[in-house]
Amino acid sequence: MYTSPDLIVEYPDGNKFQIVGFSFEAQVMGGELGLSDETTDYGYFTPDQIESMDLMEHHRERIADALAGQTAAFVR
């Protein structure tokens, strides 16, 4: 789980929200990737490809943690 009182998103309508994000390890069992109301694109990417992507900064920490191979929970 990732959150911080310093991580606030303000939407064009003036609403402000503190982001609480969850990351899960998953295995593809079937189906197809697809878009939703919350996504604009999707895909599978290598760590090198991710480095050059335009990401929200707080996602970089989550990706680095996922790639670290640590079995215990990350506490930040």
N, C-alpha and C. Protein backbone atom coordinates (compact mmCIF):
# COMPACT_ATOMS: atom_id res chain seq x y z
N MET A 1 0.85 -1.16 0.00
CA MET A 1 0.00 0.00 0.00
C MET A 1 0.90 1.23 0.00
N TYR A 2 0.57 2.18 -0.83
CA TYR A 2 1.35 3.41 -0.94
C TYR A 2 0.43 4.61 -0.73
N THR A 3 0.81 5.50 0.19
CA THR A 3 0.08 6.74 0.39
C THR A 3 0.96 7.70 1.18
N SER A 4 0.61 8.94 1.15
CA SER A 4 1.31 9.97 1.88
C SER A 4 0.40 11.19 1.96
N PRO A 5 0.38 11.87 3.10
CA PRO A 5 -0.42 13.09 3.17
C PRO A 5 0.11 14.18 2.24
N ASP A 6 1.33 13.99 1.75
CA ASP A 6 1.91 14.95 0.81
C ASP A 6 1.55 14.63 -0.63
N LEU A 7 0.92 13.50 -0.87
CA LEU A 7 0.58 13.08 -2.23
C LEU A 7 -0.90 13.38 -2.48
N ILE A 8 -1.16 14.61 -2.90
CA ILE A 8 -2.52 15.08 -3.13
C ILE A 8 -2.70 15.37 -4.62
N VAL A 9 -3.81 14.92 -5.15
CA VAL A 9 -4.15 15.20 -6.54
C VAL A 9 -5.34 16.15 -6.54
N GLU A 10 -5.22 17.23 -7.32
CA GLU A 10 -6.33 18.16 -7.46
C GLU A 10 -6.87 18.06 -8.88
N TYR A 11 -8.17 17.79 -8.98
CA TYR A 11 -8.82 17.65 -10.27
C TYR A 11 -9.31 19.00 -10.78
N PRO A 12 -9.56 19.11 -12.09
CA PRO A 12 -10.00 20.38 -12.66
C PRO A 12 -11.24 20.97 -11.99
N ASP A 13 -12.09 20.13 -11.40
CA ASP A 13 -13.30 20.64 -10.75
C ASP A 13 -13.03 21.14 -9.33
N GLY A 14 -11.75 21.10 -8.90
CA GLY A 14 -11.38 21.59 -7.58
C GLY A 14 -11.34 20.54 -6.49
N ASN A 15 -11.87 19.36 -6.74
CA ASN A 15 -11.80 18.28 -5.75
C ASN A 15 -10.36 17.86 -5.53
N LYS A 16 -10.01 17.62 -4.26
CA LYS A 16 -8.67 17.18 -3.90
C LYS A 16 -8.77 15.82 -3.21
N PHE A 17 -7.83 14.95 -3.54
CA PHE A 17 -7.83 13.61 -2.98
C PHE A 17 -6.42 13.19 -2.61
N GLN A 18 -6.29 12.48 -1.50
CA GLN A 18 -5.03 11.84 -1.15
C GLN A 18 -5.05 10.47 -1.79
N ILE A 19 -4.05 10.20 -2.58
CA ILE A 19 -3.98 8.92 -3.29
C ILE A 19 -3.61 7.81 -2.31
N VAL A 20 -4.30 6.70 -2.41
CA VAL A 20 -3.95 5.46 -1.72
C VAL A 20 -3.87 4.41 -2.82
N GLY A 21 -2.67 3.90 -3.05
CA GLY A 21 -2.47 2.92 -4.11
C GLY A 21 -2.06 1.58 -3.55
N PHE A 22 -2.55 0.54 -4.17
CA PHE A 22 -2.20 -0.82 -3.80
C PHE A 22 -1.50 -1.48 -4.98
N SER A 23 -0.48 -2.24 -4.70
CA SER A 23 0.22 -3.00 -5.73
C SER A 23 0.12 -4.48 -5.37
N PHE A 24 -0.18 -5.28 -6.35
CA PHE A 24 -0.33 -6.72 -6.16
C PHE A 24 0.52 -7.46 -7.19
N GLU A 25 1.09 -8.56 -6.79
CA GLU A 25 1.73 -9.45 -7.74
C GLU A 25 0.65 -10.34 -8.31
N ALA A 26 0.65 -10.50 -9.61
CA ALA A 26 -0.40 -11.29 -10.26
C ALA A 26 0.20 -12.14 -11.37
N GLN A 27 -0.54 -13.13 -11.75
CA GLN A 27 -0.15 -14.00 -12.86
C GLN A 27 -1.27 -13.96 -13.88
N VAL A 28 -0.90 -13.82 -15.15
CA VAL A 28 -1.90 -13.81 -16.22
C VAL A 28 -2.48 -15.21 -16.35
N MET A 29 -3.78 -15.31 -16.25
CA MET A 29 -4.47 -16.60 -16.34
C MET A 29 -5.26 -16.71 -17.64
N GLY A 30 -5.51 -15.57 -18.28
CA GLY A 30 -6.27 -15.58 -19.52
C GLY A 30 -6.91 -14.23 -19.75
N GLY A 31 -7.70 -14.16 -20.78
CA GLY A 31 -8.38 -12.91 -21.11
C GLY A 31 -7.50 -11.99 -21.92
N GLU A 32 -7.97 -10.77 -22.08
CA GLU A 32 -7.24 -9.78 -22.86
C GLU A 32 -7.18 -8.46 -22.10
N LEU A 33 -6.05 -7.76 -22.26
CA LEU A 33 -5.95 -6.43 -21.70
C LEU A 33 -6.95 -5.52 -22.41
N GLY A 34 -7.44 -4.52 -21.71
CA GLY A 34 -8.38 -3.60 -22.34
C GLY A 34 -8.43 -2.27 -21.62
N LEU A 35 -9.03 -1.30 -22.25
CA LEU A 35 -9.16 0.03 -21.68
C LEU A 35 -10.39 0.11 -20.78
N SER A 36 -10.35 1.09 -19.87
CA SER A 36 -11.48 1.36 -18.99
C SER A 36 -11.63 2.87 -18.87
N ASP A 37 -12.53 3.30 -18.03
CA ASP A 37 -12.69 4.74 -17.79
C ASP A 37 -11.47 5.34 -17.12
N GLU A 38 -10.62 4.51 -16.53
CA GLU A 38 -9.45 4.99 -15.80
C GLU A 38 -8.14 4.78 -16.55
N THR A 39 -8.18 4.28 -17.77
CA THR A 39 -6.96 4.02 -18.52
C THR A 39 -7.03 4.63 -19.91
N THR A 40 -5.87 5.02 -20.41
CA THR A 40 -5.78 5.55 -21.77
C THR A 40 -4.95 4.65 -22.67
N ASP A 41 -4.17 3.75 -22.06
CA ASP A 41 -3.33 2.84 -22.83
C ASP A 41 -2.93 1.69 -21.92
N TYR A 42 -2.42 0.64 -22.48
CA TYR A 42 -2.00 -0.51 -21.70
C TYR A 42 -0.93 -1.26 -22.46
N GLY A 43 -0.23 -2.17 -21.76
CA GLY A 43 0.79 -2.98 -22.40
C GLY A 43 1.71 -3.61 -21.38
N TYR A 44 2.61 -4.41 -21.87
CA TYR A 44 3.66 -5.01 -21.06
C TYR A 44 4.96 -4.35 -21.48
N PHE A 45 5.78 -3.93 -20.50
CA PHE A 45 6.97 -3.16 -20.80
C PHE A 45 8.16 -3.68 -20.02
N THR A 46 9.34 -3.59 -20.62
CA THR A 46 10.58 -3.96 -19.94
C THR A 46 10.99 -2.81 -19.01
N PRO A 47 11.83 -3.10 -18.02
CA PRO A 47 12.33 -2.02 -17.16
C PRO A 47 13.01 -0.90 -17.96
N ASP A 48 13.75 -1.25 -19.00
CA ASP A 48 14.39 -0.22 -19.83
C ASP A 48 13.37 0.66 -20.53
N GLN A 49 12.29 0.08 -21.02
CA GLN A 49 11.24 0.86 -21.66
C GLN A 49 10.56 1.79 -20.65
N ILE A 50 10.36 1.30 -19.45
CA ILE A 50 9.70 2.10 -18.42
C ILE A 50 10.53 3.32 -18.05
N GLU A 51 11.85 3.18 -18.04
CA GLU A 51 12.74 4.30 -17.68
C GLU A 51 12.48 5.53 -18.53
N SER A 52 12.15 5.35 -19.79
CA SER A 52 11.97 6.51 -20.69
C SER A 52 10.52 6.97 -20.78
N MET A 53 9.62 6.37 -20.02
CA MET A 53 8.21 6.74 -20.08
C MET A 53 7.92 7.97 -19.23
N ASP A 54 6.91 8.71 -19.63
CA ASP A 54 6.43 9.86 -18.88
C ASP A 54 5.44 9.35 -17.83
N LEU A 55 5.93 9.15 -16.60
CA LEU A 55 5.12 8.60 -15.52
C LEU A 55 4.96 9.61 -14.40
N MET A 56 3.89 9.46 -13.64
CA MET A 56 3.79 10.22 -12.40
C MET A 56 4.90 9.71 -11.49
N GLU A 57 5.60 10.62 -10.82
CA GLU A 57 6.80 10.25 -10.07
C GLU A 57 6.54 9.18 -9.02
N HIS A 58 5.39 9.19 -8.36
CA HIS A 58 5.15 8.20 -7.31
C HIS A 58 5.00 6.78 -7.88
N HIS A 59 4.77 6.66 -9.17
CA HIS A 59 4.72 5.32 -9.76
C HIS A 59 6.10 4.70 -9.90
N ARG A 60 7.12 5.52 -10.05
CA ARG A 60 8.49 4.99 -10.20
C ARG A 60 8.91 4.19 -8.96
N GLU A 61 8.58 4.70 -7.78
CA GLU A 61 8.92 3.98 -6.54
C GLU A 61 8.22 2.62 -6.51
N ARG A 62 6.96 2.59 -6.89
CA ARG A 62 6.21 1.33 -6.87
C ARG A 62 6.79 0.33 -7.86
N ILE A 63 7.20 0.80 -9.03
CA ILE A 63 7.79 -0.09 -10.03
C ILE A 63 9.13 -0.61 -9.55
N ALA A 64 9.95 0.27 -8.98
CA ALA A 64 11.25 -0.16 -8.45
C ALA A 64 11.07 -1.20 -7.36
N ASP A 65 10.10 -1.00 -6.49
CA ASP A 65 9.84 -1.99 -5.44
C ASP A 65 9.41 -3.32 -6.05
N ALA A 66 8.56 -3.28 -7.06
CA ALA A 66 8.08 -4.51 -7.69
C ALA A 66 9.23 -5.28 -8.34
N LEU A 67 10.19 -4.57 -8.88
CA LEU A 67 11.31 -5.22 -9.58
C LEU A 67 12.43 -5.64 -8.64
N ALA A 68 12.37 -5.25 -7.37
CA ALA A 68 13.46 -5.53 -6.42
C ALA A 68 13.53 -7.00 -6.01
N GLY A 69 12.44 -7.73 -6.19
CA GLY A 69 12.45 -9.15 -5.82
C GLY A 69 12.40 -9.40 -4.33
N GLN A 70 12.06 -8.42 -3.55
CA GLN A 70 11.96 -8.57 -2.09
C GLN A 70 10.69 -9.30 -1.75
N THR A 71 10.77 -10.29 -0.87
CA THR A 71 9.58 -11.05 -0.51
C THR A 71 8.79 -10.41 0.62
N ALA A 72 9.45 -9.61 1.47
CA ALA A 72 8.75 -8.94 2.57
C ALA A 72 8.11 -7.65 2.06
N ALA A 73 7.15 -7.16 2.82
CA ALA A 73 6.49 -5.92 2.46
C ALA A 73 7.47 -4.75 2.55
N PHE A 74 7.31 -3.78 1.68
CA PHE A 74 8.10 -2.55 1.73
C PHE A 74 7.40 -1.60 2.70
N VAL A 75 8.15 -1.07 3.64
CA VAL A 75 7.61 -0.07 4.56
C VAL A 75 8.40 1.21 4.34
N ARG A 76 7.69 2.26 3.97
CA ARG A 76 8.35 3.54 3.68
C ARG A 76 7.79 4.62 4.56
